[in-house]
Structures are given as C-alpha cells and as structure tokens.
C-alpha atoms as a PDB file:
ATOM      1  CA  UNK A   1      -3.592   1.051 -18.851  1.00  0.00           C
ATOM      2  CA  UNK A   2      -2.161  -1.827 -16.824  1.00  0.00           C
ATOM      3  CA  UNK A   3      -3.967  -3.499 -13.955  1.00  0.00           C
ATOM      4  CA  UNK A   4      -1.487  -1.882 -11.533  1.00  0.00           C
ATOM      5  CA  UNK A   5      -2.354   1.571 -12.888  1.00  0.00           C
ATOM      6  CA  UNK A   6      -6.075   0.808 -12.688  1.00  0.00           C
ATOM      7  CA  UNK A   7      -5.764  -0.342  -9.083  1.00  0.00           C
ATOM      8  CA  UNK A   8      -3.678   2.701  -8.148  1.00  0.00           C
ATOM      9  CA  UNK A   9      -6.221   5.055  -9.723  1.00  0.00           C
ATOM     10  CA  UNK A  10      -9.119   3.249  -7.993  1.00  0.00           C
ATOM     11  CA  UNK A  11      -7.383   3.597  -4.618  1.00  0.00           C
ATOM     12  CA  UNK A  12      -6.632   7.277  -5.223  1.00  0.00           C
ATOM     13  CA  UNK A  13     -10.263   7.988  -6.062  1.00  0.00           C
ATOM     14  CA  UNK A  14     -11.788   5.936  -3.214  1.00  0.00           C
ATOM     15  CA  UNK A  15      -9.384   5.948  -0.226  1.00  0.00           C
ATOM     16  CA  UNK A  16     -12.161   5.185   2.281  1.00  0.00           C
ATOM     17  CA  UNK A  17     -13.263   1.944   0.649  1.00  0.00           C
ATOM     18  CA  UNK A  18      -9.892   0.263   0.162  1.00  0.00           C
ATOM     19  CA  UNK A  19      -9.601  -3.317   1.330  1.00  0.00           C
ATOM     20  CA  UNK A  20      -6.439  -4.697   2.833  1.00  0.00           C
ATOM     21  CA  UNK A  21      -6.129  -7.140  -0.064  1.00  0.00           C
ATOM     22  CA  UNK A  22      -6.191  -4.312  -2.630  1.00  0.00           C
ATOM     23  CA  UNK A  23      -3.509  -2.397  -0.753  1.00  0.00           C
ATOM     24  CA  UNK A  24      -1.394  -5.522  -0.348  1.00  0.00           C
ATOM     25  CA  UNK A  25      -1.664  -6.230  -4.068  1.00  0.00           C
ATOM     26  CA  UNK A  26      -0.627  -2.673  -4.919  1.00  0.00           C
ATOM     27  CA  UNK A  27       2.385  -2.768  -2.605  1.00  0.00           C
ATOM     28  CA  UNK A  28       3.525  -6.101  -4.016  1.00  0.00           C
ATOM     29  CA  UNK A  29       3.203  -4.780  -7.578  1.00  0.00           C
ATOM     30  CA  UNK A  30       5.694  -2.048  -6.653  1.00  0.00           C
ATOM     31  CA  UNK A  31       8.178  -4.614  -5.347  1.00  0.00           C
ATOM     32  CA  UNK A  32       7.414  -4.317  -1.638  1.00  0.00           C
ATOM     33  CA  UNK A  33       7.605  -7.502   0.405  1.00  0.00           C
ATOM     34  CA  UNK A  34       6.056  -8.300   3.766  1.00  0.00           C
ATOM     35  CA  UNK A  35       8.891  -8.314   6.276  1.00  0.00           C
ATOM     36  CA  UNK A  36       6.948  -8.596   9.516  1.00  0.00           C
ATOM     37  CA  UNK A  37       3.455  -8.687  10.951  1.00  0.00           C
ATOM     38  CA  UNK A  38       2.586  -8.006  14.552  1.00  0.00           C
ATOM     39  CA  UNK A  39      -1.070  -8.313  15.404  1.00  0.00           C
ATOM     40  CA  UNK A  40      -2.953  -6.041  13.012  1.00  0.00           C
ATOM     41  CA  UNK A  41       0.160  -4.207  11.762  1.00  0.00           C
ATOM     42  CA  UNK A  42       1.868  -5.363   8.579  1.00  0.00           C
ATOM     43  CA  UNK A  43       5.258  -3.950   7.614  1.00  0.00           C
ATOM     44  CA  UNK A  44       6.279  -3.900   3.965  1.00  0.00           C
ATOM     45  CA  UNK A  45       9.662  -2.915   2.612  1.00  0.00           C
ATOM     46  CA  UNK A  46      11.406  -2.534  -0.711  1.00  0.00           C
ATOM     47  CA  UNK A  47      15.195  -2.654  -0.920  1.00  0.00           C
ATOM     48  CA  UNK A  48      16.638   0.801  -0.408  1.00  0.00           C
ATOM     49  CA  UNK A  49      13.327   2.343   0.681  1.00  0.00           C
ATOM     50  CA  UNK A  50      11.831   3.057   4.106  1.00  0.00           C
ATOM     51  CA  UNK A  51       9.384   0.599   5.627  1.00  0.00           C
ATOM     52  CA  UNK A  52       5.634   1.039   5.068  1.00  0.00           C
ATOM     53  CA  UNK A  53       3.349   0.047   7.937  1.00  0.00           C
ATOM     54  CA  UNK A  54      -0.281  -0.837   7.240  1.00  0.00           C
ATOM     55  CA  UNK A  55      -2.748  -1.422  10.076  1.00  0.00           C
ATOM     56  CA  UNK A  56      -5.481  -3.867   9.132  1.00  0.00           C
ATOM     57  CA  UNK A  57      -8.811  -3.381  10.857  1.00  0.00           C
ATOM     58  CA  UNK A  58     -11.424  -5.879   9.743  1.00  0.00           C
ATOM     59  CA  UNK A  59     -11.431  -5.965   5.947  1.00  0.00           C
ATOM     60  CA  UNK A  60     -10.771  -2.270   5.273  1.00  0.00           C
ATOM     61  CA  UNK A  61      -7.811   0.001   5.908  1.00  0.00           C
ATOM     62  CA  UNK A  62      -8.203   3.447   7.451  1.00  0.00           C
ATOM     63  CA  UNK A  63      -8.090   6.227   4.863  1.00  0.00           C
ATOM     64  CA  UNK A  64      -5.172   7.924   6.675  1.00  0.00           C
ATOM     65  CA  UNK A  65      -3.097   4.757   6.236  1.00  0.00           C
ATOM     66  CA  UNK A  66      -4.118   4.599   2.560  1.00  0.00           C
ATOM     67  CA  UNK A  67      -2.920   8.185   2.033  1.00  0.00           C
ATOM     68  CA  UNK A  68       0.386   7.306   3.727  1.00  0.00           C
ATOM     69  CA  UNK A  69       0.844   4.325   1.400  1.00  0.00           C
ATOM     70  CA  UNK A  70       0.024   6.495  -1.625  1.00  0.00           C
ATOM     71  CA  UNK A  71       2.721   8.998  -0.555  1.00  0.00           C
ATOM     72  CA  UNK A  72       5.226   6.161  -0.150  1.00  0.00           C
ATOM     73  CA  UNK A  73       4.338   4.789  -3.592  1.00  0.00           C
ATOM     74  CA  UNK A  74       4.784   8.250  -5.110  1.00  0.00           C
ATOM     75  CA  UNK A  75       8.289   8.296  -3.588  1.00  0.00           C
ATOM     76  CA  UNK A  76       8.986   4.844  -5.033  1.00  0.00           C
ATOM     77  CA  UNK A  77       7.847   6.004  -8.469  1.00  0.00           C
ATOM     78  CA  UNK A  78      10.181   9.018  -8.297  1.00  0.00           C
ATOM     79  CA  UNK A  79      13.115   6.722  -7.519  1.00  0.00           C
ATOM     80  CA  UNK A  80      12.447   4.562 -10.579  1.00  0.00           C
END
C-alpha cells in the first residue's frame, strides 16, 4: 500500500480530524495544483477537472469539506 493510499484511507476513516496539510498533500498527490487562495479558501485544480475549494479554519478542515474533496478524488480516480 502506497503512502497516498494510506493517507486516503486515513482521511476516509476519520473525516472530522483531517488537518489542512493532510488534505493538501492528498490533493497534490492526485495532481491538483493550488491556483488561487482568498482568505481562508484555497482553490485546487487539475487539468480537465472542475476546481476543488477547501476552506481552512485553524488547523483542521470541516468534515463536510473533506467529504466534498473525497467525492472529487473519486471522480478523478474514475477518469484515470
């Protein structure tokens, strides 16, 4: 199991305790790049895919935003 798979599984199992750094690392491992940040909102995009917005509040990310990122990653995996 690769480190990307381990991180993805950890985030799936514990969506309430995900740090922004973990989510950023996961997005980057799937080829998403930071295209813009405005205040606490960070927008990531991968070529040919819709943008993914992550709101950073202190060190953790809200679980609803984590679930949204997981759905977007599932879509990216289907494309591959």
